[in-house]
């Protein structure tokens, strides 16, 4: 399946993502499609700031510098 050309079945609603079990298959496909599109833009050197002006909260139950740093890099790349 070509995620760049994915056509959603319905408009994605704003949700708090706690577990993928709460999402429909279409919502998961939309999230993956968006991720592929953002990665494609990044590889082409096109800036995108989806999270500009937004705050992101992260909560980890166990200390993990590698996980924290990976999330921080991703959040920074999206403009937060």
Protein backbone atom coordinates (compact mmCIF):
# COMPACT_ATOMS: atom_id res chain seq x y z
CA UNK A 1 0.00 0.00 0.00
CA UNK A 2 1.29 3.46 -0.93
CA UNK A 3 0.94 5.54 2.24
CA UNK A 4 1.76 8.76 0.37
CA UNK A 5 -1.39 8.29 -1.72
CA UNK A 6 -3.62 7.02 1.12
CA UNK A 7 -7.15 8.43 0.98
CA UNK A 8 -8.86 8.56 4.39
CA UNK A 9 -12.35 7.17 4.80
CA UNK A 10 -13.35 10.02 7.10
CA UNK A 11 -11.80 13.15 8.59
CA UNK A 12 -9.38 12.42 11.40
CA UNK A 13 -10.67 13.61 14.75
CA UNK A 14 -8.39 15.17 17.33
CA UNK A 15 -7.74 12.53 19.97
CA UNK A 16 -5.45 11.88 22.90
CA UNK A 17 -3.45 8.88 21.79
CA UNK A 18 -3.09 6.57 24.75
CA UNK A 19 -3.20 3.22 22.96
CA UNK A 20 -3.60 2.13 19.36
CA UNK A 21 -6.38 -0.19 20.49
CA UNK A 22 -8.60 2.92 20.80
CA UNK A 23 -8.02 3.87 17.14
CA UNK A 24 -9.78 2.63 14.06
CA UNK A 25 -7.79 1.08 11.22
CA UNK A 26 -8.43 4.24 9.16
CA UNK A 27 -7.05 6.49 11.93
CA UNK A 28 -3.89 4.38 12.20
CA UNK A 29 -3.46 4.51 8.42
CA UNK A 30 -3.90 8.31 8.50
CA UNK A 31 -1.21 8.64 11.19
CA UNK A 32 1.20 6.45 9.21
CA UNK A 33 0.43 8.36 6.01
CA UNK A 34 1.12 11.69 7.73
CA UNK A 35 4.42 10.33 9.10
CA UNK A 36 5.51 9.20 5.63
CA UNK A 37 4.59 12.59 4.16
CA UNK A 38 6.53 14.48 6.87
CA UNK A 39 9.57 12.24 6.35
CA UNK A 40 9.38 12.78 2.58
CA UNK A 41 9.29 16.57 3.04
CA UNK A 42 12.23 16.40 5.45
CA UNK A 43 14.31 14.39 2.98
CA UNK A 44 13.59 17.00 0.31
CA UNK A 45 14.69 19.79 2.68
CA UNK A 46 11.22 21.34 2.83
CA UNK A 47 10.51 22.84 6.25
CA UNK A 48 7.26 21.93 7.95
CA UNK A 49 6.26 23.17 11.35
CA UNK A 50 3.11 21.26 12.17
CA UNK A 51 3.63 21.79 15.89
CA UNK A 52 4.59 25.48 15.70
CA UNK A 53 3.12 27.27 18.72
CA UNK A 54 2.12 23.97 20.34
CA UNK A 55 3.34 22.37 23.55
CA UNK A 56 4.14 18.71 23.83
CA UNK A 57 4.13 16.84 27.12
CA UNK A 58 6.00 13.58 27.56
CA UNK A 59 5.68 11.19 30.46
CA UNK A 60 7.89 8.14 30.79
CA UNK A 61 7.32 5.62 33.55
CA UNK A 62 10.97 4.52 33.42
CA UNK A 63 14.05 6.68 32.87
CA UNK A 64 15.38 6.26 29.34
CA UNK A 65 17.67 8.89 27.90
CA UNK A 66 17.58 7.27 24.44
CA UNK A 67 13.76 7.36 24.28
CA UNK A 68 13.59 10.92 25.62
CA UNK A 69 16.19 12.19 23.16
CA UNK A 70 14.46 10.46 20.21
CA UNK A 71 11.15 12.10 21.09
CA UNK A 72 12.80 15.49 21.56
CA UNK A 73 14.46 15.29 18.13
CA UNK A 74 11.17 14.31 16.47
CA UNK A 75 9.25 17.08 18.23
CA UNK A 76 11.91 19.63 17.27
CA UNK A 77 11.73 18.52 13.61
CA UNK A 78 7.97 19.17 13.65
CA UNK A 79 8.51 22.73 14.87
CA UNK A 80 7.57 22.54 18.55
